[in-house]
């Protein structure tokens, strides 16, 4: 998991976009397709490493970004 977290972190820092897509073949290494509550586990991983799970589609990918501070009212 730490390897994936480092890859996401690196992409967020040096990538052209402010998000990082992780495709199904990478996700399956940590969370098999038939795992129960898979999306929740991926979201928990994101939160644990300081990311946000922005988008998830089973069989496709997960997109991570950073939490942005709330705008003052």
C-alpha atoms as a PDB file:
ATOM      1  CA  UNK A   1       0.000   0.000   0.000  1.00  0.00           C
ATOM      2  CA  UNK A   2       2.850   2.352   0.762  1.00  0.00           C
ATOM      3  CA  UNK A   3       4.234   1.851  -2.743  1.00  0.00           C
ATOM      4  CA  UNK A   4       0.911   2.880  -4.252  1.00  0.00           C
ATOM      5  CA  UNK A   5       0.653   5.849  -1.884  1.00  0.00           C
ATOM      6  CA  UNK A   6       4.135   7.025  -2.931  1.00  0.00           C
ATOM      7  CA  UNK A   7       3.207   6.729  -6.591  1.00  0.00           C
ATOM      8  CA  UNK A   8       0.029   8.760  -6.092  1.00  0.00           C
ATOM      9  CA  UNK A   9       1.948  11.366  -4.086  1.00  0.00           C
ATOM     10  CA  UNK A  10       4.603  11.681  -6.780  1.00  0.00           C
ATOM     11  CA  UNK A  11       1.980  12.056  -9.510  1.00  0.00           C
ATOM     12  CA  UNK A  12       0.146  14.753  -7.547  1.00  0.00           C
ATOM     13  CA  UNK A  13       3.380  16.690  -7.042  1.00  0.00           C
ATOM     14  CA  UNK A  14       4.932  16.507 -10.502  1.00  0.00           C
ATOM     15  CA  UNK A  15       2.079  15.510 -12.788  1.00  0.00           C
ATOM     16  CA  UNK A  16       0.381  17.868 -15.178  1.00  0.00           C
ATOM     17  CA  UNK A  17      -2.986  17.312 -13.480  1.00  0.00           C
ATOM     18  CA  UNK A  18      -4.018  17.711  -9.869  1.00  0.00           C
ATOM     19  CA  UNK A  19      -5.259  14.121  -9.692  1.00  0.00           C
ATOM     20  CA  UNK A  20      -3.916  10.608 -10.177  1.00  0.00           C
ATOM     21  CA  UNK A  21      -5.700   7.756 -11.931  1.00  0.00           C
ATOM     22  CA  UNK A  22      -4.981   4.234 -10.707  1.00  0.00           C
ATOM     23  CA  UNK A  23      -6.240   1.616 -13.134  1.00  0.00           C
ATOM     24  CA  UNK A  24      -7.894  -1.694 -12.403  1.00  0.00           C
ATOM     25  CA  UNK A  25      -4.816  -3.873 -12.956  1.00  0.00           C
ATOM     26  CA  UNK A  26      -3.089  -1.900 -10.161  1.00  0.00           C
ATOM     27  CA  UNK A  27      -6.101  -1.852  -7.845  1.00  0.00           C
ATOM     28  CA  UNK A  28      -6.538  -5.632  -8.120  1.00  0.00           C
ATOM     29  CA  UNK A  29      -3.136  -6.186  -6.532  1.00  0.00           C
ATOM     30  CA  UNK A  30      -4.440  -4.797  -3.249  1.00  0.00           C
ATOM     31  CA  UNK A  31      -8.223  -5.148  -3.540  1.00  0.00           C
ATOM     32  CA  UNK A  32      -9.511  -8.132  -5.554  1.00  0.00           C
ATOM     33  CA  UNK A  33     -12.573  -7.448  -7.725  1.00  0.00           C
ATOM     34  CA  UNK A  34     -14.791  -9.719  -5.617  1.00  0.00           C
ATOM     35  CA  UNK A  35     -13.773  -8.151  -2.293  1.00  0.00           C
ATOM     36  CA  UNK A  36     -16.698  -6.978  -0.188  1.00  0.00           C
ATOM     37  CA  UNK A  37     -16.913  -3.239   0.454  1.00  0.00           C
ATOM     38  CA  UNK A  38     -14.099  -2.673  -2.003  1.00  0.00           C
ATOM     39  CA  UNK A  39     -14.878   0.994  -2.681  1.00  0.00           C
ATOM     40  CA  UNK A  40     -15.037   1.738   1.050  1.00  0.00           C
ATOM     41  CA  UNK A  41     -11.645   0.074   1.554  1.00  0.00           C
ATOM     42  CA  UNK A  42     -10.109   2.105  -1.262  1.00  0.00           C
ATOM     43  CA  UNK A  43     -11.615   5.284   0.212  1.00  0.00           C
ATOM     44  CA  UNK A  44     -10.183   4.350   3.611  1.00  0.00           C
ATOM     45  CA  UNK A  45      -6.743   3.870   2.033  1.00  0.00           C
ATOM     46  CA  UNK A  46      -7.041   7.323   0.456  1.00  0.00           C
ATOM     47  CA  UNK A  47      -7.976   8.978   3.741  1.00  0.00           C
ATOM     48  CA  UNK A  48      -5.239   7.145   5.633  1.00  0.00           C
ATOM     49  CA  UNK A  49      -2.582   8.511   3.268  1.00  0.00           C
ATOM     50  CA  UNK A  50      -4.010  12.041   3.009  1.00  0.00           C
ATOM     51  CA  UNK A  51      -5.786  11.694  -0.327  1.00  0.00           C
ATOM     52  CA  UNK A  52      -9.398  11.784  -1.416  1.00  0.00           C
ATOM     53  CA  UNK A  53     -11.045   9.142  -3.570  1.00  0.00           C
ATOM     54  CA  UNK A  54     -12.531  11.432  -6.176  1.00  0.00           C
ATOM     55  CA  UNK A  55     -13.959   8.813  -8.542  1.00  0.00           C
ATOM     56  CA  UNK A  56     -14.258   5.039  -8.565  1.00  0.00           C
ATOM     57  CA  UNK A  57     -15.687   2.646 -11.111  1.00  0.00           C
ATOM     58  CA  UNK A  58     -15.273  -1.083 -10.572  1.00  0.00           C
ATOM     59  CA  UNK A  59     -13.347  -2.639 -13.428  1.00  0.00           C
ATOM     60  CA  UNK A  60     -12.069   0.732 -14.631  1.00  0.00           C
ATOM     61  CA  UNK A  61     -10.111   2.953 -12.253  1.00  0.00           C
ATOM     62  CA  UNK A  62      -9.944   5.071  -9.128  1.00  0.00           C
ATOM     63  CA  UNK A  63      -8.999   8.740  -9.251  1.00  0.00           C
ATOM     64  CA  UNK A  64      -7.327  10.341  -6.258  1.00  0.00           C
ATOM     65  CA  UNK A  65      -6.635  13.956  -5.417  1.00  0.00           C
ATOM     66  CA  UNK A  66      -5.917  16.056  -2.342  1.00  0.00           C
ATOM     67  CA  UNK A  67      -8.537  17.471  -0.023  1.00  0.00           C
ATOM     68  CA  UNK A  68      -8.853  21.174  -0.628  1.00  0.00           C
ATOM     69  CA  UNK A  69      -9.423  23.519   2.299  1.00  0.00           C
ATOM     70  CA  UNK A  70     -12.972  24.798   2.623  1.00  0.00           C
ATOM     71  CA  UNK A  71     -13.621  28.312   1.437  1.00  0.00           C
ATOM     72  CA  UNK A  72     -14.624  30.703   4.240  1.00  0.00           C
ATOM     73  CA  UNK A  73     -18.256  31.853   4.064  1.00  0.00           C
END
